[in-house]
Structures are given as C-alpha cells and as structure tokens.
Amino acid sequence: MFLNHINDGKDYLDFEVKFPDLLVADDWLNDPRIKNRMFMANKQRVFLDGKVIIIGGWFSGNFSTEKKPTYIGEAVDGSFIILFEKNETDPLFKWRGVITELPSNTKKIINYESSRALRLGVGNLNTGTNYEEYDRAPSVNMWLGRSWIENEHEELYFLVESREMLDEVATYYGLPVPYDDEMKVVLDNNLQSIRFKSYDLNNEGEGNFVAVVVASITFVNDTATTLKLYETTRWNE
C-alpha cells in the first residue's frame, strides 16, 4: 500500500512501483496488478527540517476516462489526509484543500490565491497582491501565492531559484533549511526536476520557460514558523 492513512490507499499505485513488462503487454490497462487502481502521474512530497512530512500527488484511473483524476495526499505521521477539489475563486489556483484530521475526522479548509506577480507572468492579469505587508525575505525575487486556514495560519509561496537562495531565506527567518542531503544534490544540480510547473514568466517564448520550484514560509500571528520545500516529480521523467 502506497498511501497508508486513507481508507482506499491500496487502490493508489505509486509510479515508483515498476512493472517491466507493462509497456509491452497488449492489454496492460487490464493487467490485474493495476486494473481498477489509480495510477500516479505526478508525485508531490513536502520537506520540512530535512524530512518528508507530506506525500501524495495526481492520480489517474489507468489513463482512461473511467475515473476522474484525483489529487490527494497524507501526512507521513498519519495526522491528516488532504483532498483537493475544484474551486473557482482565483484566476490561476482553481482548487482548495479539504483537510481531514485523523482519527477525529475533523475537517478544515485550506484556501489558495495566486500573487499579482504570478498572474502577470502567466495570464497578463494585473490584479492581486505581492504581499508587501508581510515580512518578506529580501533574497526572494518572486512570491507566487498564499494559502490559509482561517484562524490558524497563513503560508506564502515563493519561487526557488537556487539552493543558495533557499539557504538565505532560512538564515533570514532563523529557520532550518527544509532539505536533506539527497535533496541538496538535486537543488544544486537538477533544480528543474522538482518543478511544480514551467511558465513563460519572462516573456521569452518557448524554450525559455521558468521552472517554478516552490518553497513556502508559514506565518502564525505574523511570526515565521516553518520553511518548507515542495517537490514535484513525474512518472515519465
């Protein structure tokens, strides 16, 4: 079982589970090892203090139209699961998260909004804010957006351009770096491999898109409390 803390976790197939003969099988969609299971297309991991704290991703029903794609994750320690659902209140971030705390099954909503800078870069939309009223680390060149849980905390997301930048952010806020030794190598040598998406943020055209690697600062009562790094990997890379 890949996802250990959701009821149907056995139905979600991590793309790191390899079946060498699948691609040559004539009817691989009906292979009993994957039939009726959700195949991972994109995988997300969230790093805090050098440890993975959340794992999940985008799952498709065997790349068919029989099942709608699912965006789901869970805390590694089993404290909660999160399901992302459609929400049209933001021009770019068209989702919200429904967090279910375990074992109480208490639910919370995490809301998302894109920044003015990201809206300009992606959709030429001159709306929103760049969060100037927050304590923003000066080494960050682009703030991507914000999420929040009412009466609990806010999280500001920013574009990671290098491992050195991430280190400078950690120093500014007096927080530990989020990555471990293995992720440090990735940050130094293959930053693009953990991108969330790629966008033409500099208006330089195809072939010059910016790899949007995401990190975040969590604020509780205006105080920075955690620095996280978000890794996205893909089944076909």
Protein backbone atom coordinates (compact mmCIF):
# COMPACT_ATOMS: atom_id res chain seq x y z
CA MET A 1 0.00 0.00 0.00
CA PHE A 2 1.41 3.39 -1.02
CA LEU A 3 -0.94 5.72 0.87
CA ASN A 4 -1.18 4.30 4.35
CA HIS A 5 -3.67 6.60 6.02
CA ILE A 6 -6.64 6.72 3.66
CA ASN A 7 -9.31 4.05 3.55
CA ASP A 8 -8.73 3.04 -0.07
CA GLY A 9 -4.98 3.51 -0.02
CA LYS A 10 -4.37 0.15 -1.67
CA ASP A 11 -6.07 1.48 -4.81
CA TYR A 12 -3.40 4.14 -5.40
CA LEU A 13 -0.34 2.99 -7.33
CA ASP A 14 2.94 4.86 -6.88
CA PHE A 15 4.76 5.22 -10.20
CA GLU A 16 7.93 4.11 -8.45
CA VAL A 17 6.44 0.62 -8.41
CA LYS A 18 7.89 -0.81 -11.61
CA PHE A 19 6.31 -3.50 -13.79
CA PRO A 20 8.93 -4.05 -16.52
CA ASP A 21 6.57 -5.85 -18.88
CA LEU A 22 3.66 -3.40 -18.73
CA LEU A 23 4.60 -1.32 -21.74
CA VAL A 24 4.87 -4.37 -23.99
CA ALA A 25 1.69 -6.03 -22.82
CA ASP A 26 -1.16 -5.88 -25.34
CA ASP A 27 -3.80 -5.24 -22.69
CA TRP A 28 -1.80 -3.58 -19.93
CA LEU A 29 -4.81 -1.49 -18.83
CA ASN A 30 -6.48 -4.76 -17.83
CA ASP A 31 -3.43 -6.18 -16.08
CA PRO A 32 -4.72 -7.45 -12.70
CA ARG A 33 -1.88 -5.65 -10.93
CA ILE A 34 -3.22 -2.25 -11.95
CA LYS A 35 -6.82 -2.76 -13.08
CA ASN A 36 -9.23 -0.56 -11.14
CA ARG A 37 -6.35 1.17 -9.36
CA MET A 38 -5.37 4.84 -9.60
CA PHE A 39 -2.04 5.32 -11.33
CA MET A 40 0.18 8.18 -10.12
CA ALA A 41 1.05 10.70 -12.85
CA ASN A 42 2.67 13.40 -10.69
CA LYS A 43 4.08 12.84 -7.24
CA GLN A 44 4.42 15.52 -4.57
CA ARG A 45 6.49 15.49 -1.43
CA VAL A 46 6.79 18.26 1.15
CA PHE A 47 10.06 18.68 3.05
CA LEU A 48 10.44 20.30 6.47
CA ASP A 49 13.61 20.28 8.58
CA GLY A 50 15.20 17.73 6.25
CA LYS A 51 12.32 15.25 6.45
CA VAL A 52 9.37 14.39 4.22
CA ILE A 53 6.21 15.35 6.09
CA ILE A 54 3.55 15.04 3.36
CA ILE A 55 3.33 12.73 0.36
CA GLY A 56 0.74 12.49 -2.38
CA GLY A 57 0.03 13.52 -5.93
CA TRP A 58 -2.15 13.50 -9.00
CA PHE A 59 -3.67 10.10 -9.76
CA SER A 60 -5.41 8.99 -12.93
CA GLY A 61 -7.66 5.97 -13.46
CA ASN A 62 -5.25 3.98 -15.61
CA PHE A 63 -5.05 6.94 -18.01
CA SER A 64 -8.62 6.23 -19.04
CA THR A 65 -11.79 8.28 -18.70
CA GLU A 66 -13.41 5.73 -16.43
CA LYS A 67 -12.26 7.51 -13.28
CA LYS A 68 -11.84 11.21 -12.71
CA PRO A 69 -8.32 12.36 -11.73
CA THR A 70 -7.80 12.58 -8.00
CA TYR A 71 -5.48 14.96 -6.16
CA ILE A 72 -4.82 13.59 -2.72
CA GLY A 73 -2.12 13.42 -0.06
CA GLU A 74 -1.44 12.46 3.51
CA ALA A 75 0.80 13.39 6.39
CA VAL A 76 3.56 10.82 6.79
CA ASP A 77 2.81 10.64 10.52
CA GLY A 78 -0.85 9.84 9.84
CA SER A 79 -2.19 13.01 11.43
CA PHE A 80 -4.28 14.06 8.42
CA ILE A 81 -5.23 13.45 4.80
CA ILE A 82 -5.93 16.16 2.22
CA LEU A 83 -8.13 16.04 -0.85
CA PHE A 84 -8.06 18.84 -3.41
CA GLU A 85 -11.31 19.89 -5.01
CA LYS A 86 -12.31 22.39 -7.68
CA ASN A 87 -12.71 25.98 -6.55
CA GLU A 88 -13.13 28.88 -9.00
CA THR A 89 -12.44 31.87 -6.73
CA ASP A 90 -8.91 32.51 -8.05
CA PRO A 91 -7.95 33.05 -11.72
CA LEU A 92 -4.98 30.64 -11.55
CA PHE A 93 -5.28 28.47 -8.44
CA LYS A 94 -8.62 26.81 -9.15
CA TRP A 95 -8.65 24.49 -6.17
CA ARG A 96 -8.93 24.30 -2.42
CA GLY A 97 -7.82 21.64 0.01
CA VAL A 98 -10.09 19.72 2.34
CA ILE A 99 -8.03 18.51 5.29
CA THR A 100 -9.38 15.66 7.41
CA GLU A 101 -7.62 15.34 10.74
CA LEU A 102 -7.18 11.78 11.99
CA PRO A 103 -8.50 9.98 13.89
CA SER A 104 -11.14 12.58 14.81
CA ASN A 105 -12.27 13.13 11.17
CA THR A 106 -12.40 16.87 11.88
CA LYS A 107 -12.35 18.82 8.61
CA LYS A 108 -10.62 22.10 7.74
CA ILE A 109 -10.48 24.08 4.52
CA ILE A 110 -7.22 25.40 3.14
CA ASN A 111 -7.74 28.24 0.66
CA TYR A 112 -5.32 29.32 -2.09
CA GLU A 113 -4.69 32.51 -4.04
CA SER A 114 -2.13 33.46 -6.67
CA SER A 115 0.03 36.58 -6.38
CA ARG A 116 -0.04 39.62 -8.64
CA ALA A 117 3.43 38.71 -9.97
CA LEU A 118 2.34 35.20 -10.96
CA ARG A 119 -0.90 36.45 -12.52
CA LEU A 120 1.07 38.95 -14.61
CA GLY A 121 3.60 36.32 -15.68
CA VAL A 122 1.11 33.59 -16.53
CA GLY A 123 -2.03 35.39 -17.65
CA ASN A 124 -1.13 39.09 -18.02
CA LEU A 125 -3.57 39.87 -15.23
CA ASN A 126 -2.79 42.99 -13.21
CA THR A 127 -4.75 42.01 -10.12
CA GLY A 128 -3.97 40.68 -6.67
CA THR A 129 -1.13 41.48 -4.31
CA ASN A 130 2.54 40.64 -3.80
CA TYR A 131 2.17 40.58 0.00
CA GLU A 132 4.23 43.71 0.68
CA GLU A 133 2.67 43.94 4.13
CA TYR A 134 4.34 40.67 5.19
CA ASP A 135 7.88 40.14 6.45
CA ARG A 136 9.32 39.05 3.09
CA ALA A 137 12.84 37.68 2.80
CA PRO A 138 14.80 40.09 0.55
CA SER A 139 16.52 37.30 -1.39
CA VAL A 140 13.18 36.16 -2.84
CA ASN A 141 12.55 37.66 -6.28
CA MET A 142 9.05 36.30 -6.84
CA TRP A 143 6.25 35.50 -4.44
CA LEU A 144 3.87 33.03 -6.04
CA GLY A 145 0.82 32.99 -3.82
CA ARG A 146 -0.72 32.42 -0.43
CA SER A 147 -2.75 29.79 1.36
CA TRP A 148 -4.54 30.00 4.66
CA ILE A 149 -6.65 28.14 7.17
CA GLU A 150 -8.98 30.54 8.93
CA ASN A 151 -7.90 31.42 12.49
CA GLU A 152 -4.86 29.14 12.23
CA HIS A 153 -2.03 30.13 9.89
CA GLU A 154 -1.01 31.59 6.54
CA GLU A 155 1.57 30.31 4.09
CA LEU A 156 3.41 32.42 1.48
CA TYR A 157 4.83 30.55 -1.51
CA PHE A 158 7.90 31.71 -3.41
CA LEU A 159 9.99 30.81 -6.43
CA VAL A 160 13.18 28.91 -5.59
CA GLU A 161 15.94 29.90 -7.99
CA SER A 162 18.83 28.10 -6.31
CA ARG A 163 19.81 26.20 -3.19
CA GLU A 164 21.79 29.28 -2.09
CA MET A 165 18.61 31.36 -2.19
CA LEU A 166 16.83 28.81 -0.02
CA ASP A 167 19.71 28.97 2.46
CA GLU A 168 19.48 32.76 2.55
CA VAL A 169 15.75 32.58 3.25
CA ALA A 170 16.37 30.14 6.10
CA THR A 171 19.00 32.45 7.57
CA TYR A 172 16.76 35.50 7.26
CA TYR A 173 13.95 33.89 9.24
CA GLY A 174 16.21 31.93 11.60
CA LEU A 175 14.72 28.63 10.46
CA PRO A 176 16.37 25.34 9.47
CA VAL A 177 16.73 24.51 5.78
CA PRO A 178 13.98 22.15 4.59
CA TYR A 179 16.07 19.74 2.50
CA ASP A 180 18.10 16.64 3.36
CA ASP A 181 21.47 15.63 1.87
CA GLU A 182 19.89 13.86 -1.10
CA MET A 183 17.67 16.83 -1.94
CA LYS A 184 20.65 19.17 -1.57
CA VAL A 185 22.28 17.41 -4.53
CA VAL A 186 19.10 17.85 -6.57
CA LEU A 187 18.85 21.52 -5.72
CA ASP A 188 22.47 22.07 -6.75
CA ASN A 189 22.44 20.00 -9.93
CA ASN A 190 18.93 19.40 -11.28
CA LEU A 191 16.58 22.03 -9.90
CA GLN A 192 14.18 21.70 -12.83
CA SER A 193 13.45 18.06 -11.98
CA ILE A 194 11.37 19.08 -8.94
CA ARG A 195 9.41 21.90 -10.60
CA PHE A 196 5.71 22.31 -9.98
CA LYS A 197 5.20 23.67 -13.50
CA SER A 198 7.05 25.71 -16.11
CA TYR A 199 5.80 29.13 -17.19
CA ASP A 200 6.95 31.84 -19.60
CA LEU A 201 7.37 34.29 -16.72
CA ASN A 202 9.97 36.40 -18.53
CA ASN A 203 8.07 36.56 -21.85
CA GLU A 204 10.96 34.94 -23.70
CA GLY A 205 8.94 32.34 -25.56
CA GLU A 206 9.01 28.57 -25.83
CA GLY A 207 12.30 27.02 -24.78
CA ASN A 208 12.89 29.71 -22.17
CA PHE A 209 10.16 28.86 -19.68
CA VAL A 210 10.98 29.25 -16.00
CA ALA A 211 10.95 26.08 -13.89
CA VAL A 212 8.71 27.00 -10.97
CA VAL A 213 10.19 25.27 -7.94
CA VAL A 214 8.16 26.10 -4.85
CA ALA A 215 9.01 26.72 -1.21
CA SER A 216 6.98 28.45 1.47
CA ILE A 217 7.07 30.32 4.73
CA THR A 218 4.32 29.68 7.27
CA PHE A 219 3.24 32.59 9.45
CA VAL A 220 1.38 32.26 12.73
CA ASN A 221 0.35 35.61 14.23
CA ASP A 222 2.77 37.37 11.85
CA THR A 223 5.71 35.23 13.01
CA ALA A 224 7.54 32.94 10.56
CA THR A 225 7.39 29.42 11.97
CA THR A 226 8.37 26.95 9.22
CA LEU A 227 10.22 26.82 5.90
CA LYS A 228 9.02 24.08 3.54
CA LEU A 229 10.17 22.82 0.14
CA TYR A 230 7.73 21.30 -2.35
CA GLU A 231 8.96 18.60 -4.73
CA THR A 232 7.00 17.53 -7.80
CA THR A 233 8.19 14.61 -9.93
CA ARG A 234 6.61 12.96 -12.96
CA TRP A 235 6.08 9.36 -13.96
CA ASN A 236 7.65 9.83 -17.40
CA GLU A 237 10.82 11.68 -16.39
